[in-house]
Amino acid sequence: MLVVGPADLPVPDGVVLVTDDPPFGGPVSGLRAGLARLPLGSDPVAVLAGDQPFVTSATLERLVAAVGSAEVAALGDAGQVGDAGQVSYLTAVWRGPALRRRVAAAGASMRSVYAGAEVVLVPDPEGWAADIDTPDDLRRARRRAATEG
């Protein structure tokens, strides 16, 4: 397992910590740094945000099962890729070679990584992709964790 984050981030034994340059350079910067340390034959590759507390092994199992021969399986709903809406760009499982190719050619946004990609959308009725960006998000996540725990 590999995590991209600040140099002082505590990680469990056996987890490789990689820092991006510049630090906190955004998801594409983090992907570039992580891919530089990931063995070339790695496939599939899970791409996950660090602020999604409800992602579980079941999430990953569903994404791995869905990717098949496509480039990427990501949480989302039909009609949500590109201009029609959103896909959860940071809750996905990629085919390793496709991810390397797309990140190498991408601009600074995750949208540019996904542009033209063959995406399998995996429904998220469990709300796995819920992330924490604000104090209100944190309060909601804590309430949810208390009721689901």
N, C-alpha and C. Protein backbone atom coordinates (compact mmCIF):
# COMPACT_ATOMS: atom_id res chain seq x y z
N MET A 1 0.85 -1.17 0.00
CA MET A 1 0.00 0.00 0.00
C MET A 1 0.89 1.23 0.00
N LEU A 2 0.42 2.24 -0.71
CA LEU A 2 1.16 3.48 -0.85
C LEU A 2 0.23 4.64 -0.55
N VAL A 3 0.70 5.61 0.22
CA VAL A 3 -0.07 6.80 0.57
C VAL A 3 0.74 8.01 0.18
N VAL A 4 0.08 8.99 -0.45
CA VAL A 4 0.73 10.25 -0.76
C VAL A 4 0.23 11.27 0.26
N GLY A 5 1.17 11.92 0.94
CA GLY A 5 0.80 12.90 1.95
C GLY A 5 2.03 13.62 2.46
N PRO A 6 1.85 14.45 3.48
CA PRO A 6 2.98 15.20 4.04
C PRO A 6 3.99 14.26 4.70
N ALA A 7 5.23 14.67 4.72
CA ALA A 7 6.33 13.83 5.22
C ALA A 7 6.13 13.39 6.67
N ASP A 8 5.39 14.16 7.45
CA ASP A 8 5.20 13.79 8.86
C ASP A 8 3.89 13.04 9.11
N LEU A 9 3.23 12.58 8.06
CA LEU A 9 1.98 11.83 8.22
C LEU A 9 2.26 10.47 8.83
N PRO A 10 1.64 10.14 9.95
CA PRO A 10 1.86 8.80 10.52
C PRO A 10 1.13 7.76 9.68
N VAL A 11 1.84 6.72 9.28
CA VAL A 11 1.23 5.62 8.52
C VAL A 11 1.59 4.31 9.18
N PRO A 12 0.76 3.30 9.02
CA PRO A 12 1.05 1.99 9.64
C PRO A 12 2.31 1.36 9.04
N ASP A 13 2.90 0.44 9.79
CA ASP A 13 4.05 -0.32 9.30
C ASP A 13 3.68 -0.98 7.98
N GLY A 14 4.61 -0.97 7.05
CA GLY A 14 4.41 -1.60 5.76
C GLY A 14 3.79 -0.69 4.71
N VAL A 15 3.32 0.48 5.11
CA VAL A 15 2.75 1.44 4.17
C VAL A 15 3.85 2.38 3.73
N VAL A 16 3.97 2.56 2.42
CA VAL A 16 4.98 3.47 1.87
C VAL A 16 4.38 4.87 1.81
N LEU A 17 5.06 5.83 2.40
CA LEU A 17 4.63 7.22 2.38
C LEU A 17 5.43 7.97 1.33
N VAL A 18 4.74 8.63 0.43
CA VAL A 18 5.35 9.41 -0.64
C VAL A 18 4.85 10.84 -0.51
N THR A 19 5.72 11.81 -0.71
CA THR A 19 5.30 13.21 -0.72
C THR A 19 5.29 13.71 -2.16
N ASP A 20 4.33 14.59 -2.45
CA ASP A 20 4.31 15.17 -3.79
C ASP A 20 5.04 16.49 -3.79
N ASP A 21 5.42 16.94 -4.98
CA ASP A 21 6.16 18.18 -5.12
C ASP A 21 5.47 19.04 -6.17
N PRO A 22 4.87 20.14 -5.75
CA PRO A 22 4.91 20.73 -4.42
C PRO A 22 3.97 20.00 -3.47
N PRO A 23 4.27 20.07 -2.17
CA PRO A 23 3.37 19.46 -1.19
C PRO A 23 1.95 20.03 -1.34
N PHE A 24 0.97 19.16 -1.19
CA PHE A 24 -0.44 19.54 -1.33
C PHE A 24 -0.72 20.12 -2.71
N GLY A 25 -0.05 19.58 -3.72
CA GLY A 25 -0.19 20.05 -5.09
C GLY A 25 -1.47 19.62 -5.78
N GLY A 26 -2.31 18.88 -5.10
CA GLY A 26 -3.57 18.46 -5.68
C GLY A 26 -3.54 16.99 -6.08
N PRO A 27 -4.69 16.47 -6.45
CA PRO A 27 -4.79 15.04 -6.73
C PRO A 27 -3.91 14.55 -7.88
N VAL A 28 -3.80 15.30 -8.95
CA VAL A 28 -2.99 14.84 -10.08
C VAL A 28 -1.51 14.84 -9.69
N SER A 29 -1.09 15.85 -8.97
CA SER A 29 0.28 15.89 -8.46
C SER A 29 0.55 14.69 -7.56
N GLY A 30 -0.40 14.37 -6.70
CA GLY A 30 -0.28 13.22 -5.82
C GLY A 30 -0.23 11.91 -6.61
N LEU A 31 -1.06 11.80 -7.64
CA LEU A 31 -1.04 10.60 -8.47
C LEU A 31 0.31 10.44 -9.16
N ARG A 32 0.85 11.53 -9.67
CA ARG A 32 2.16 11.45 -10.32
C ARG A 32 3.23 10.96 -9.34
N ALA A 33 3.21 11.51 -8.14
CA ALA A 33 4.20 11.10 -7.14
C ALA A 33 4.01 9.64 -6.75
N GLY A 34 2.78 9.23 -6.55
CA GLY A 34 2.50 7.86 -6.18
C GLY A 34 2.86 6.87 -7.28
N LEU A 35 2.50 7.20 -8.51
CA LEU A 35 2.82 6.31 -9.63
C LEU A 35 4.32 6.17 -9.84
N ALA A 36 5.07 7.22 -9.52
CA ALA A 36 6.53 7.14 -9.66
C ALA A 36 7.12 6.10 -8.72
N ARG A 37 6.46 5.83 -7.60
CA ARG A 37 6.95 4.84 -6.61
C ARG A 37 6.29 3.48 -6.75
N LEU A 38 5.21 3.40 -7.49
CA LEU A 38 4.48 2.15 -7.64
C LEU A 38 5.16 1.26 -8.68
N PRO A 39 5.34 -0.02 -8.40
CA PRO A 39 5.95 -0.91 -9.40
C PRO A 39 5.19 -0.87 -10.73
N LEU A 40 5.92 -0.91 -11.84
CA LEU A 40 5.32 -0.78 -13.17
C LEU A 40 4.21 -1.78 -13.44
N GLY A 41 4.30 -2.99 -12.95
CA GLY A 41 3.30 -4.00 -13.25
C GLY A 41 2.06 -3.94 -12.38
N SER A 42 1.93 -2.94 -11.51
CA SER A 42 0.79 -2.86 -10.60
C SER A 42 -0.51 -2.73 -11.38
N ASP A 43 -1.43 -3.65 -11.14
CA ASP A 43 -2.70 -3.65 -11.84
C ASP A 43 -3.64 -4.61 -11.13
N PRO A 44 -4.81 -4.16 -10.74
CA PRO A 44 -5.34 -2.81 -10.83
C PRO A 44 -4.76 -1.89 -9.75
N VAL A 45 -5.08 -0.59 -9.89
CA VAL A 45 -4.60 0.42 -8.95
C VAL A 45 -5.82 1.17 -8.39
N ALA A 46 -5.98 1.15 -7.08
CA ALA A 46 -7.05 1.90 -6.44
C ALA A 46 -6.59 3.33 -6.22
N VAL A 47 -7.45 4.28 -6.57
CA VAL A 47 -7.20 5.70 -6.34
C VAL A 47 -8.28 6.19 -5.39
N LEU A 48 -7.85 6.56 -4.17
CA LEU A 48 -8.79 6.93 -3.12
C LEU A 48 -8.38 8.22 -2.46
N ALA A 49 -9.36 9.05 -2.13
CA ALA A 49 -9.09 10.26 -1.36
C ALA A 49 -8.95 9.90 0.11
N GLY A 50 -8.26 10.71 0.84
CA GLY A 50 -8.04 10.45 2.25
C GLY A 50 -9.16 10.95 3.15
N ASP A 51 -10.14 11.63 2.57
CA ASP A 51 -11.21 12.21 3.39
C ASP A 51 -12.55 11.53 3.16
N GLN A 52 -12.50 10.23 2.85
CA GLN A 52 -13.72 9.47 2.62
C GLN A 52 -13.79 8.32 3.63
N PRO A 53 -14.31 8.60 4.82
CA PRO A 53 -14.25 7.61 5.89
C PRO A 53 -15.13 6.39 5.69
N PHE A 54 -16.03 6.41 4.71
CA PHE A 54 -16.95 5.29 4.54
C PHE A 54 -16.55 4.33 3.43
N VAL A 55 -15.40 4.57 2.81
CA VAL A 55 -14.86 3.62 1.84
C VAL A 55 -14.38 2.39 2.62
N THR A 56 -14.78 1.22 2.17
CA THR A 56 -14.45 -0.03 2.86
C THR A 56 -13.85 -1.02 1.87
N SER A 57 -13.47 -2.16 2.36
CA SER A 57 -13.00 -3.23 1.48
C SER A 57 -14.11 -3.63 0.51
N ALA A 58 -15.37 -3.55 0.93
CA ALA A 58 -16.49 -3.86 0.04
C ALA A 58 -16.55 -2.88 -1.12
N THR A 59 -16.21 -1.62 -0.86
CA THR A 59 -16.16 -0.61 -1.93
C THR A 59 -15.14 -1.06 -2.98
N LEU A 60 -13.95 -1.38 -2.51
CA LEU A 60 -12.88 -1.78 -3.43
C LEU A 60 -13.24 -3.06 -4.17
N GLU A 61 -13.82 -4.03 -3.48
CA GLU A 61 -14.22 -5.27 -4.13
C GLU A 61 -15.21 -5.01 -5.25
N ARG A 62 -16.17 -4.12 -5.01
CA ARG A 62 -17.17 -3.80 -6.04
C ARG A 62 -16.50 -3.11 -7.24
N LEU A 63 -15.57 -2.21 -6.97
CA LEU A 63 -14.89 -1.51 -8.06
C LEU A 63 -14.00 -2.46 -8.85
N VAL A 64 -13.26 -3.32 -8.17
CA VAL A 64 -12.38 -4.28 -8.86
C VAL A 64 -13.22 -5.21 -9.74
N ALA A 65 -14.35 -5.68 -9.22
CA ALA A 65 -15.22 -6.57 -9.99
C ALA A 65 -15.80 -5.87 -11.21
N ALA A 66 -16.00 -4.57 -11.12
CA ALA A 66 -16.64 -3.83 -12.21
C ALA A 66 -15.68 -3.40 -13.32
N VAL A 67 -14.40 -3.21 -13.02
CA VAL A 67 -13.50 -2.60 -14.00
C VAL A 67 -13.33 -3.47 -15.24
N GLY A 68 -13.29 -4.79 -15.09
CA GLY A 68 -13.17 -5.66 -16.26
C GLY A 68 -12.05 -5.22 -17.18
N SER A 69 -12.36 -5.06 -18.46
CA SER A 69 -11.36 -4.63 -19.43
C SER A 69 -11.41 -3.12 -19.69
N ALA A 70 -12.29 -2.41 -18.97
CA ALA A 70 -12.36 -0.95 -19.11
C ALA A 70 -11.11 -0.33 -18.49
N GLU A 71 -10.93 0.97 -18.70
CA GLU A 71 -9.79 1.67 -18.12
C GLU A 71 -9.97 1.91 -16.63
N VAL A 72 -11.21 2.22 -16.23
CA VAL A 72 -11.45 2.61 -14.84
C VAL A 72 -12.89 2.30 -14.44
N ALA A 73 -13.07 1.90 -13.20
CA ALA A 73 -14.39 1.81 -12.58
C ALA A 73 -14.40 2.82 -11.45
N ALA A 74 -15.43 3.67 -11.44
CA ALA A 74 -15.51 4.72 -10.43
C ALA A 74 -16.93 4.80 -9.90
N LEU A 75 -17.05 5.22 -8.65
CA LEU A 75 -18.38 5.42 -8.10
C LEU A 75 -19.05 6.58 -8.82
N GLY A 76 -20.31 6.42 -9.14
CA GLY A 76 -21.09 7.45 -9.83
C GLY A 76 -22.39 6.85 -10.31
N ASP A 77 -23.11 7.61 -11.11
CA ASP A 77 -24.37 7.15 -11.66
C ASP A 77 -24.39 7.43 -13.15
N ALA A 78 -25.18 6.67 -13.88
CA ALA A 78 -25.29 6.87 -15.33
C ALA A 78 -25.57 8.33 -15.64
N GLY A 79 -24.90 8.86 -16.63
CA GLY A 79 -25.09 10.25 -17.02
C GLY A 79 -24.26 11.22 -16.21
N GLN A 80 -23.34 10.73 -15.39
CA GLN A 80 -22.59 11.64 -14.53
C GLN A 80 -21.15 11.85 -14.95
N VAL A 81 -20.73 11.39 -16.09
CA VAL A 81 -19.36 11.61 -16.52
C VAL A 81 -19.31 12.82 -17.44
N GLY A 82 -18.29 13.64 -17.28
CA GLY A 82 -18.10 14.79 -18.16
C GLY A 82 -19.05 15.92 -17.84
N ASP A 83 -19.53 16.58 -18.89
CA ASP A 83 -20.36 17.78 -18.71
C ASP A 83 -21.72 17.48 -18.11
N ALA A 84 -22.16 16.24 -18.13
CA ALA A 84 -23.49 15.90 -17.62
C ALA A 84 -23.54 15.87 -16.10
N GLY A 85 -22.42 15.95 -15.43
CA GLY A 85 -22.44 15.91 -13.98
C GLY A 85 -21.09 15.53 -13.42
N GLN A 86 -21.10 14.71 -12.37
CA GLN A 86 -19.85 14.33 -11.72
C GLN A 86 -19.74 12.84 -11.53
N VAL A 87 -18.52 12.38 -11.48
CA VAL A 87 -18.20 11.03 -11.08
C VAL A 87 -17.27 11.19 -9.89
N SER A 88 -17.23 10.23 -9.01
CA SER A 88 -16.31 10.33 -7.87
C SER A 88 -14.91 9.96 -8.35
N TYR A 89 -14.19 10.94 -8.85
CA TYR A 89 -12.87 10.73 -9.46
C TYR A 89 -11.88 10.06 -8.51
N LEU A 90 -12.05 10.29 -7.22
CA LEU A 90 -11.09 9.77 -6.25
C LEU A 90 -11.65 8.60 -5.45
N THR A 91 -12.57 7.89 -6.04
CA THR A 91 -13.03 6.62 -5.49
C THR A 91 -13.14 5.68 -6.69
N ALA A 92 -11.99 5.17 -7.12
CA ALA A 92 -11.93 4.45 -8.38
C ALA A 92 -10.86 3.37 -8.37
N VAL A 93 -11.03 2.43 -9.27
CA VAL A 93 -10.01 1.41 -9.53
C VAL A 93 -9.68 1.48 -11.01
N TRP A 94 -8.41 1.69 -11.28
CA TRP A 94 -7.89 1.84 -12.65
C TRP A 94 -7.11 0.61 -13.08
N ARG A 95 -7.07 0.37 -14.36
CA ARG A 95 -6.08 -0.52 -14.95
C ARG A 95 -4.78 0.26 -14.90
N GLY A 96 -3.73 -0.33 -14.32
CA GLY A 96 -2.46 0.36 -14.10
C GLY A 96 -1.90 1.05 -15.34
N PRO A 97 -1.76 0.35 -16.49
CA PRO A 97 -1.21 1.01 -17.67
C PRO A 97 -2.05 2.20 -18.13
N ALA A 98 -3.37 2.08 -18.07
CA ALA A 98 -4.24 3.19 -18.48
C ALA A 98 -4.04 4.39 -17.56
N LEU A 99 -3.95 4.15 -16.26
CA LEU A 99 -3.75 5.26 -15.32
C LEU A 99 -2.43 5.95 -15.58
N ARG A 100 -1.38 5.19 -15.77
CA ARG A 100 -0.07 5.80 -16.06
C ARG A 100 -0.12 6.66 -17.32
N ARG A 101 -0.73 6.12 -18.36
CA ARG A 101 -0.83 6.84 -19.64
C ARG A 101 -1.62 8.14 -19.47
N ARG A 102 -2.73 8.05 -18.81
CA ARG A 102 -3.61 9.22 -18.68
C ARG A 102 -3.02 10.28 -17.75
N VAL A 103 -2.39 9.86 -16.66
CA VAL A 103 -1.78 10.83 -15.75
C VAL A 103 -0.60 11.53 -16.43
N ALA A 104 0.17 10.81 -17.21
CA ALA A 104 1.30 11.41 -17.92
C ALA A 104 0.84 12.50 -18.89
N ALA A 105 -0.34 12.32 -19.49
CA ALA A 105 -0.84 13.27 -20.48
C ALA A 105 -1.77 14.33 -19.88
N ALA A 106 -2.10 14.20 -18.60
CA ALA A 106 -3.11 15.07 -17.98
C ALA A 106 -2.58 16.44 -17.65
N GLY A 107 -3.53 17.35 -17.52
CA GLY A 107 -3.23 18.66 -16.97
C GLY A 107 -3.26 18.58 -15.45
N ALA A 108 -3.71 19.64 -14.81
CA ALA A 108 -3.69 19.70 -13.35
C ALA A 108 -4.97 19.17 -12.71
N SER A 109 -6.01 18.90 -13.51
CA SER A 109 -7.29 18.50 -12.92
C SER A 109 -7.57 17.02 -13.12
N MET A 110 -8.31 16.44 -12.20
CA MET A 110 -8.73 15.05 -12.34
C MET A 110 -9.64 14.89 -13.55
N ARG A 111 -10.38 15.91 -13.88
CA ARG A 111 -11.22 15.86 -15.08
C ARG A 111 -10.37 15.57 -16.31
N SER A 112 -9.16 16.13 -16.36
CA SER A 112 -8.28 15.89 -17.51
C SER A 112 -7.75 14.46 -17.53
N VAL A 113 -7.63 13.83 -16.37
CA VAL A 113 -7.21 12.43 -16.32
C VAL A 113 -8.32 11.55 -16.90
N TYR A 114 -9.55 11.87 -16.61
CA TYR A 114 -10.69 11.08 -17.04
C TYR A 114 -11.16 11.40 -18.46
N ALA A 115 -10.74 12.53 -19.03
CA ALA A 115 -11.24 12.96 -20.33
C ALA A 115 -11.06 11.86 -21.38
N GLY A 116 -12.16 11.38 -21.93
CA GLY A 116 -12.13 10.36 -22.96
C GLY A 116 -11.90 8.94 -22.47
N ALA A 117 -11.78 8.76 -21.16
CA ALA A 117 -11.52 7.42 -20.61
C ALA A 117 -12.75 6.54 -20.73
N GLU A 118 -12.51 5.24 -20.83
CA GLU A 118 -13.58 4.26 -20.81
C GLU A 118 -13.89 3.98 -19.34
N VAL A 119 -15.00 4.58 -18.86
CA VAL A 119 -15.35 4.54 -17.43
C VAL A 119 -16.55 3.64 -17.21
N VAL A 120 -16.42 2.72 -16.28
CA VAL A 120 -17.57 1.95 -15.80
C VAL A 120 -18.03 2.64 -14.53
N LEU A 121 -19.28 3.10 -14.54
CA LEU A 121 -19.82 3.77 -13.36
C LEU A 121 -20.46 2.74 -12.43
N VAL A 122 -20.10 2.80 -11.18
CA VAL A 122 -20.60 1.88 -10.17
C VAL A 122 -21.50 2.67 -9.22
N PRO A 123 -22.77 2.31 -9.13
CA PRO A 123 -23.67 3.04 -8.23
C PRO A 123 -23.15 3.04 -6.79
N ASP A 124 -23.50 4.09 -6.06
CA ASP A 124 -23.03 4.25 -4.68
C ASP A 124 -24.20 4.48 -3.73
N PRO A 125 -25.15 3.53 -3.66
CA PRO A 125 -26.28 3.75 -2.74
C PRO A 125 -25.87 3.77 -1.27
N GLU A 126 -24.70 3.19 -0.96
CA GLU A 126 -24.22 3.19 0.42
C GLU A 126 -23.62 4.53 0.83
N GLY A 127 -23.37 5.41 -0.12
CA GLY A 127 -22.76 6.70 0.19
C GLY A 127 -21.29 6.59 0.57
N TRP A 128 -20.60 5.61 0.00
CA TRP A 128 -19.19 5.41 0.29
C TRP A 128 -18.34 6.63 -0.06
N ALA A 129 -18.71 7.33 -1.13
CA ALA A 129 -17.88 8.43 -1.62
C ALA A 129 -18.06 9.72 -0.82
N ALA A 130 -18.92 9.71 0.18
CA ALA A 130 -19.11 10.92 0.99
C ALA A 130 -17.76 11.36 1.56
N ASP A 131 -17.43 12.62 1.35
CA ASP A 131 -16.15 13.11 1.85
C ASP A 131 -16.35 14.21 2.87
N ILE A 132 -15.27 14.58 3.52
CA ILE A 132 -15.32 15.57 4.59
C ILE A 132 -14.50 16.78 4.17
N ASP A 133 -15.21 17.85 3.84
CA ASP A 133 -14.54 19.09 3.43
C ASP A 133 -14.80 20.25 4.39
N THR A 134 -15.84 20.13 5.19
CA THR A 134 -16.23 21.24 6.06
C THR A 134 -16.54 20.70 7.46
N PRO A 135 -16.62 21.59 8.45
CA PRO A 135 -17.03 21.15 9.79
C PRO A 135 -18.42 20.48 9.78
N ASP A 136 -19.34 20.98 8.94
CA ASP A 136 -20.66 20.35 8.85
C ASP A 136 -20.55 18.93 8.31
N ASP A 137 -19.68 18.72 7.30
CA ASP A 137 -19.45 17.37 6.77
C ASP A 137 -18.94 16.45 7.87
N LEU A 138 -18.04 16.95 8.69
CA LEU A 138 -17.49 16.15 9.78
C LEU A 138 -18.57 15.78 10.79
N ARG A 139 -19.42 16.72 11.13
CA ARG A 139 -20.52 16.43 12.07
C ARG A 139 -21.45 15.36 11.49
N ARG A 140 -21.79 15.49 10.20
CA ARG A 140 -22.66 14.49 9.56
C ARG A 140 -21.99 13.11 9.55
N ALA A 141 -20.70 13.09 9.24
CA ALA A 141 -19.97 11.81 9.19
C ALA A 141 -19.92 11.17 10.57
N ARG A 142 -19.73 11.96 11.60
CA ARG A 142 -19.70 11.41 12.96
C ARG A 142 -21.06 10.84 13.36
N ARG A 143 -22.13 11.55 12.99
CA ARG A 143 -23.47 11.02 13.29
C ARG A 143 -23.72 9.73 12.54
N ARG A 144 -23.34 9.71 11.27
CA ARG A 144 -23.52 8.50 10.47
C ARG A 144 -22.71 7.34 11.05
N ALA A 145 -21.47 7.59 11.41
CA ALA A 145 -20.62 6.54 11.97
C ALA A 145 -21.22 6.00 13.28
N ALA A 146 -21.80 6.87 14.06
CA ALA A 146 -22.38 6.44 15.34
C ALA A 146 -23.60 5.56 15.10
N THR A 147 -24.39 5.86 14.07
CA THR A 147 -25.58 5.05 13.81
C THR A 147 -25.26 3.76 13.06
N GLU A 148 -24.20 3.77 12.25
CA GLU A 148 -23.84 2.57 11.49
C GLU A 148 -22.90 1.66 12.25
N GLY A 149 -22.22 2.22 13.26
CA GLY A 149 -21.19 1.49 13.99
C GLY A 149 -21.72 0.38 14.77
